[in-house]
Amino acid sequence: MATQSDVRRVALSLPGAQPVPGRFAFGVQRKGTLKAFVWVWMERVTPKKPRVPNHTVIAARVPDLAEKDRLLAADPVKFFTEPHYKGFPAVLVRLGAVSVSDLKTLLTAAWRSQAPVDLTRGAAASAAATGVVDPQSRSRIANRRAAGRSAHPGSRGAAARARKGTRRRKGRFKS
């Protein structure tokens, strides 16, 4: 069973992570903006009234909606969602149902989805040096490469440009 102090300890142990001012949330700086990767769930207890923090549940970012669906289907006791998060890559996690090791894995993946590339590469290099391998990211990269896409989501490699029929000109993509 994990607690908020476990969330704080794990989140702040990640490179570049810092608390978000004014609420129980943790983020990482990306392009000058603090991007939250985990925060307390703000539950709407009474309709048409402001949301209130539910300290037994956290919201955590996931890499994409497919991963969100996989987590929700895998263990509905630990993970759930609400209509507010429909179409948004985040899951709600019941702290009482999740172990500290599961929490660490989840928060590391959440951090990785928000952290800048140079920070994640540095973390991966230090993990490789110590012998720690993140199987989730390894399989995600392998799946993207097998599908003919770049290992980094959001980037357009030569294969993506060829499929789309675009070419690269002066550092920009031209249709």
C-alpha atoms as a PDB file:
ATOM      1  CA  MET A   1       0.000   0.000   0.000  1.00  0.00           C
ATOM      2  CA  ALA A   2       1.463   3.311  -1.084  1.00  0.00           C
ATOM      3  CA  THR A   3       0.972   6.688   0.581  1.00  0.00           C
ATOM      4  CA  GLN A   4       1.361  10.317  -0.419  1.00  0.00           C
ATOM      5  CA  SER A   5       4.770  10.379   1.252  1.00  0.00           C
ATOM      6  CA  ASP A   6       5.812   7.493  -1.031  1.00  0.00           C
ATOM      7  CA  VAL A   7       4.571   9.474  -4.043  1.00  0.00           C
ATOM      8  CA  ARG A   8       6.583  12.508  -2.900  1.00  0.00           C
ATOM      9  CA  ARG A   9       9.731  10.435  -2.249  1.00  0.00           C
ATOM     10  CA  VAL A  10       9.589   8.594  -5.592  1.00  0.00           C
ATOM     11  CA  ALA A  11       8.662  11.675  -7.635  1.00  0.00           C
ATOM     12  CA  LEU A  12      11.423  13.836  -6.174  1.00  0.00           C
ATOM     13  CA  SER A  13      13.992  11.072  -6.730  1.00  0.00           C
ATOM     14  CA  LEU A  14      13.536  11.429 -10.506  1.00  0.00           C
ATOM     15  CA  PRO A  15      15.974  13.756 -12.329  1.00  0.00           C
ATOM     16  CA  GLY A  16      14.695  17.317 -12.698  1.00  0.00           C
ATOM     17  CA  ALA A  17      11.444  16.643 -10.827  1.00  0.00           C
ATOM     18  CA  GLN A  18      10.127  19.392  -8.590  1.00  0.00           C
ATOM     19  CA  PRO A  19       6.938  20.085  -6.658  1.00  0.00           C
ATOM     20  CA  VAL A  20       4.262  22.177  -8.361  1.00  0.00           C
ATOM     21  CA  PRO A  21       3.582  25.240  -6.182  1.00  0.00           C
ATOM     22  CA  GLY A  22       0.225  25.426  -4.438  1.00  0.00           C
ATOM     23  CA  ARG A  23      -0.912  21.814  -4.666  1.00  0.00           C
ATOM     24  CA  PHE A  24       0.161  18.199  -4.282  1.00  0.00           C
ATOM     25  CA  ALA A  25       1.689  17.661  -7.717  1.00  0.00           C
ATOM     26  CA  PHE A  26       5.103  17.068  -9.222  1.00  0.00           C
ATOM     27  CA  GLY A  27       6.439  18.132 -12.578  1.00  0.00           C
ATOM     28  CA  VAL A  28       9.509  18.602 -14.702  1.00  0.00           C
ATOM     29  CA  GLN A  29      10.671  21.662 -16.659  1.00  0.00           C
ATOM     30  CA  ARG A  30      10.267  21.344 -20.427  1.00  0.00           C
ATOM     31  CA  LYS A  31      10.835  24.342 -22.696  1.00  0.00           C
ATOM     32  CA  GLY A  32      10.520  26.730 -19.774  1.00  0.00           C
ATOM     33  CA  THR A  33       7.211  25.303 -18.519  1.00  0.00           C
ATOM     34  CA  LEU A  34       6.653  23.043 -15.544  1.00  0.00           C
ATOM     35  CA  LYS A  35       4.832  19.965 -16.908  1.00  0.00           C
ATOM     36  CA  ALA A  36       3.096  17.918 -14.213  1.00  0.00           C
ATOM     37  CA  PHE A  37       3.433  14.142 -14.411  1.00  0.00           C
ATOM     38  CA  VAL A  38       1.597  13.236 -11.191  1.00  0.00           C
ATOM     39  CA  TRP A  39      -0.960  15.138  -9.117  1.00  0.00           C
ATOM     40  CA  VAL A  40      -3.685  14.594  -6.547  1.00  0.00           C
ATOM     41  CA  TRP A  41      -7.110  13.806  -7.979  1.00  0.00           C
ATOM     42  CA  MET A  42      -9.573  16.663  -7.703  1.00  0.00           C
ATOM     43  CA  GLU A  43     -12.902  14.906  -7.224  1.00  0.00           C
ATOM     44  CA  ARG A  44     -16.267  16.512  -7.857  1.00  0.00           C
ATOM     45  CA  VAL A  45     -18.219  15.427  -4.787  1.00  0.00           C
ATOM     46  CA  THR A  46     -21.264  17.619  -5.402  1.00  0.00           C
ATOM     47  CA  PRO A  47     -22.464  18.538  -8.892  1.00  0.00           C
ATOM     48  CA  LYS A  48     -21.974  22.200  -9.871  1.00  0.00           C
ATOM     49  CA  LYS A  49     -19.631  22.728  -6.912  1.00  0.00           C
ATOM     50  CA  PRO A  50     -15.843  23.071  -7.007  1.00  0.00           C
ATOM     51  CA  ARG A  51     -13.729  19.942  -7.064  1.00  0.00           C
ATOM     52  CA  VAL A  52     -12.021  18.892  -3.834  1.00  0.00           C
ATOM     53  CA  PRO A  53      -8.734  16.985  -3.457  1.00  0.00           C
ATOM     54  CA  ASN A  54      -9.058  13.264  -2.789  1.00  0.00           C
ATOM     55  CA  HIS A  55      -5.753  12.383  -1.119  1.00  0.00           C
ATOM     56  CA  THR A  56      -6.240   8.623  -1.533  1.00  0.00           C
ATOM     57  CA  VAL A  57      -6.097   8.877  -5.341  1.00  0.00           C
ATOM     58  CA  ILE A  58      -3.470  10.333  -7.677  1.00  0.00           C
ATOM     59  CA  ALA A  59      -3.576  11.064 -11.383  1.00  0.00           C
ATOM     60  CA  ALA A  60      -0.514   9.991 -13.369  1.00  0.00           C
ATOM     61  CA  ARG A  61       0.389  10.740 -16.976  1.00  0.00           C
ATOM     62  CA  VAL A  62       0.871   7.818 -19.353  1.00  0.00           C
ATOM     63  CA  PRO A  63       2.690   7.874 -22.710  1.00  0.00           C
ATOM     64  CA  ASP A  64      -0.456   7.534 -24.819  1.00  0.00           C
ATOM     65  CA  LEU A  65      -4.111   6.517 -24.814  1.00  0.00           C
ATOM     66  CA  ALA A  66      -3.275   2.918 -25.768  1.00  0.00           C
ATOM     67  CA  GLU A  67      -1.199   2.571 -22.600  1.00  0.00           C
ATOM     68  CA  LYS A  68      -4.051   4.126 -20.609  1.00  0.00           C
ATOM     69  CA  ASP A  69      -6.501   1.568 -22.019  1.00  0.00           C
ATOM     70  CA  ARG A  70      -4.046  -1.261 -21.290  1.00  0.00           C
ATOM     71  CA  LEU A  71      -3.659  -0.214 -17.643  1.00  0.00           C
ATOM     72  CA  LEU A  72      -7.404   0.238 -17.151  1.00  0.00           C
ATOM     73  CA  ALA A  73      -8.118  -3.216 -18.587  1.00  0.00           C
ATOM     74  CA  ALA A  74      -5.261  -4.910 -16.724  1.00  0.00           C
ATOM     75  CA  ASP A  75      -6.266  -3.961 -13.183  1.00  0.00           C
ATOM     76  CA  PRO A  76      -9.489  -2.002 -12.585  1.00  0.00           C
ATOM     77  CA  VAL A  77      -8.961  -2.216  -8.815  1.00  0.00           C
ATOM     78  CA  LYS A  78      -5.771  -0.126  -9.007  1.00  0.00           C
ATOM     79  CA  PHE A  79      -6.541   2.053 -12.023  1.00  0.00           C
ATOM     80  CA  PHE A  80      -9.687   3.879 -13.095  1.00  0.00           C
ATOM     81  CA  THR A  81     -10.754   6.996 -14.932  1.00  0.00           C
ATOM     82  CA  GLU A  82     -13.624   9.477 -15.050  1.00  0.00           C
ATOM     83  CA  PRO A  83     -15.281  11.424 -17.878  1.00  0.00           C
ATOM     84  CA  HIS A  84     -13.074  14.454 -17.136  1.00  0.00           C
ATOM     85  CA  TYR A  85     -10.027  12.453 -18.321  1.00  0.00           C
ATOM     86  CA  LYS A  86     -11.648  11.084 -21.488  1.00  0.00           C
ATOM     87  CA  GLY A  87      -9.205  11.514 -24.373  1.00  0.00           C
ATOM     88  CA  PHE A  88      -6.396  12.626 -22.020  1.00  0.00           C
ATOM     89  CA  PRO A  89      -3.376  10.363 -21.407  1.00  0.00           C
ATOM     90  CA  ALA A  90      -3.656   9.981 -17.633  1.00  0.00           C
ATOM     91  CA  VAL A  91      -4.969   7.321 -15.272  1.00  0.00           C
ATOM     92  CA  LEU A  92      -6.315   7.636 -11.757  1.00  0.00           C
ATOM     93  CA  VAL A  93      -4.530   5.397  -9.254  1.00  0.00           C
ATOM     94  CA  ARG A  94      -5.897   4.227  -5.907  1.00  0.00           C
ATOM     95  CA  LEU A  95      -2.943   4.525  -3.520  1.00  0.00           C
ATOM     96  CA  GLY A  96      -4.358   1.893  -1.168  1.00  0.00           C
ATOM     97  CA  ALA A  97      -4.371  -0.732  -3.916  1.00  0.00           C
ATOM     98  CA  VAL A  98      -0.928  -0.139  -5.425  1.00  0.00           C
ATOM     99  CA  SER A  99       2.424  -1.300  -4.034  1.00  0.00           C
ATOM    100  CA  VAL A 100       5.405   1.026  -3.703  1.00  0.00           C
ATOM    101  CA  SER A 101       7.313  -0.857  -6.426  1.00  0.00           C
ATOM    102  CA  ASP A 102       4.344  -0.539  -8.814  1.00  0.00           C
ATOM    103  CA  LEU A 103       4.111   3.140  -7.908  1.00  0.00           C
ATOM    104  CA  LYS A 104       7.784   3.648  -8.729  1.00  0.00           C
ATOM    105  CA  THR A 105       7.345   2.000 -12.149  1.00  0.00           C
ATOM    106  CA  LEU A 106       4.233   4.054 -12.874  1.00  0.00           C
ATOM    107  CA  LEU A 107       5.782   7.374 -11.799  1.00  0.00           C
ATOM    108  CA  THR A 108       8.957   6.696 -13.763  1.00  0.00           C
ATOM    109  CA  ALA A 109       6.876   6.117 -16.910  1.00  0.00           C
ATOM    110  CA  ALA A 110       4.833   9.254 -16.138  1.00  0.00           C
ATOM    111  CA  TRP A 111       8.021  11.283 -15.660  1.00  0.00           C
ATOM    112  CA  ARG A 112       9.459   9.885 -18.896  1.00  0.00           C
ATOM    113  CA  SER A 113       6.345  10.996 -20.817  1.00  0.00           C
ATOM    114  CA  GLN A 114       6.800  14.614 -19.679  1.00  0.00           C
ATOM    115  CA  ALA A 115      10.575  15.028 -19.282  1.00  0.00           C
ATOM    116  CA  PRO A 116      12.709  16.577 -22.029  1.00  0.00           C
ATOM    117  CA  VAL A 117      14.694  14.194 -24.218  1.00  0.00           C
ATOM    118  CA  ASP A 118      18.099  15.192 -22.857  1.00  0.00           C
ATOM    119  CA  LEU A 119      16.952  14.418 -19.300  1.00  0.00           C
ATOM    120  CA  THR A 120      15.488  11.018 -20.258  1.00  0.00           C
ATOM    121  CA  ARG A 121      18.607  10.083 -22.223  1.00  0.00           C
ATOM    122  CA  GLY A 122      20.753  10.979 -19.230  1.00  0.00           C
ATOM    123  CA  ALA A 123      18.567   8.870 -16.956  1.00  0.00           C
ATOM    124  CA  ALA A 124      18.661   5.957 -19.422  1.00  0.00           C
ATOM    125  CA  ALA A 125      22.455   6.197 -19.679  1.00  0.00           C
ATOM    126  CA  SER A 126      22.886   6.162 -15.907  1.00  0.00           C
ATOM    127  CA  ALA A 127      20.433   3.262 -15.596  1.00  0.00           C
ATOM    128  CA  ALA A 128      22.317   1.315 -18.276  1.00  0.00           C
ATOM    129  CA  ALA A 129      25.581   1.964 -16.455  1.00  0.00           C
ATOM    130  CA  THR A 130      24.132   0.482 -13.260  1.00  0.00           C
ATOM    131  CA  GLY A 131      22.552  -2.450 -15.110  1.00  0.00           C
ATOM    132  CA  VAL A 132      18.934  -1.315 -14.641  1.00  0.00           C
ATOM    133  CA  VAL A 133      16.849  -1.781 -17.797  1.00  0.00           C
ATOM    134  CA  ASP A 134      13.402  -0.313 -18.361  1.00  0.00           C
ATOM    135  CA  PRO A 135      11.628  -3.101 -20.283  1.00  0.00           C
ATOM    136  CA  GLN A 136       8.579  -0.941 -20.979  1.00  0.00           C
ATOM    137  CA  SER A 137      10.522   1.689 -22.895  1.00  0.00           C
ATOM    138  CA  ARG A 138      12.610  -0.953 -24.657  1.00  0.00           C
ATOM    139  CA  SER A 139       9.507  -2.756 -25.975  1.00  0.00           C
ATOM    140  CA  ARG A 140       7.821   0.536 -26.928  1.00  0.00           C
ATOM    141  CA  ILE A 141      10.846   1.561 -29.025  1.00  0.00           C
ATOM    142  CA  ALA A 142      11.040  -1.893 -30.617  1.00  0.00           C
ATOM    143  CA  ASN A 143       7.338  -1.757 -31.542  1.00  0.00           C
ATOM    144  CA  ARG A 144       7.702   1.707 -33.085  1.00  0.00           C
ATOM    145  CA  ARG A 145      10.720   0.623 -35.134  1.00  0.00           C
ATOM    146  CA  ALA A 146       8.948  -2.560 -36.288  1.00  0.00           C
ATOM    147  CA  ALA A 147       6.062  -0.415 -37.520  1.00  0.00           C
ATOM    148  CA  GLY A 148       8.524   1.699 -39.548  1.00  0.00           C
ATOM    149  CA  ARG A 149       8.291   4.724 -37.290  1.00  0.00           C
ATOM    150  CA  SER A 150      10.905   6.689 -35.403  1.00  0.00           C
ATOM    151  CA  ALA A 151      11.845   5.461 -31.943  1.00  0.00           C
ATOM    152  CA  HIS A 152      10.889   8.887 -30.606  1.00  0.00           C
ATOM    153  CA  PRO A 153       7.183   9.780 -30.775  1.00  0.00           C
ATOM    154  CA  GLY A 154       6.501  13.083 -32.450  1.00  0.00           C
ATOM    155  CA  SER A 155       9.569  13.033 -34.657  1.00  0.00           C
ATOM    156  CA  ARG A 156       9.330  12.512 -38.388  1.00  0.00           C
ATOM    157  CA  GLY A 157      12.019  10.329 -39.796  1.00  0.00           C
ATOM    158  CA  ALA A 158      12.713   9.511 -43.427  1.00  0.00           C
ATOM    159  CA  ALA A 159      10.188   6.649 -43.375  1.00  0.00           C
ATOM    160  CA  ALA A 160       7.378   8.938 -42.164  1.00  0.00           C
ATOM    161  CA  ARG A 161       8.220  11.564 -44.777  1.00  0.00           C
ATOM    162  CA  ALA A 162       8.256   8.898 -47.499  1.00  0.00           C
ATOM    163  CA  ARG A 163       4.821   7.609 -46.440  1.00  0.00           C
ATOM    164  CA  LYS A 164       3.406  11.098 -46.365  1.00  0.00           C
ATOM    165  CA  GLY A 165       5.079  12.150 -49.613  1.00  0.00           C
ATOM    166  CA  THR A 166       6.832  15.124 -48.073  1.00  0.00           C
ATOM    167  CA  ARG A 167      10.414  16.202 -48.283  1.00  0.00           C
ATOM    168  CA  ARG A 168      12.713  18.075 -46.024  1.00  0.00           C
ATOM    169  CA  ARG A 169      13.636  21.605 -47.029  1.00  0.00           C
ATOM    170  CA  LYS A 170      15.806  23.975 -45.005  1.00  0.00           C
ATOM    171  CA  GLY A 171      14.982  22.266 -41.707  1.00  0.00           C
ATOM    172  CA  ARG A 172      11.225  22.289 -42.267  1.00  0.00           C
ATOM    173  CA  PHE A 173       8.803  19.798 -43.657  1.00  0.00           C
ATOM    174  CA  LYS A 174       7.083  20.863 -46.842  1.00  0.00           C
ATOM    175  CA  SER A 175       3.944  19.187 -48.198  1.00  0.00           C
END
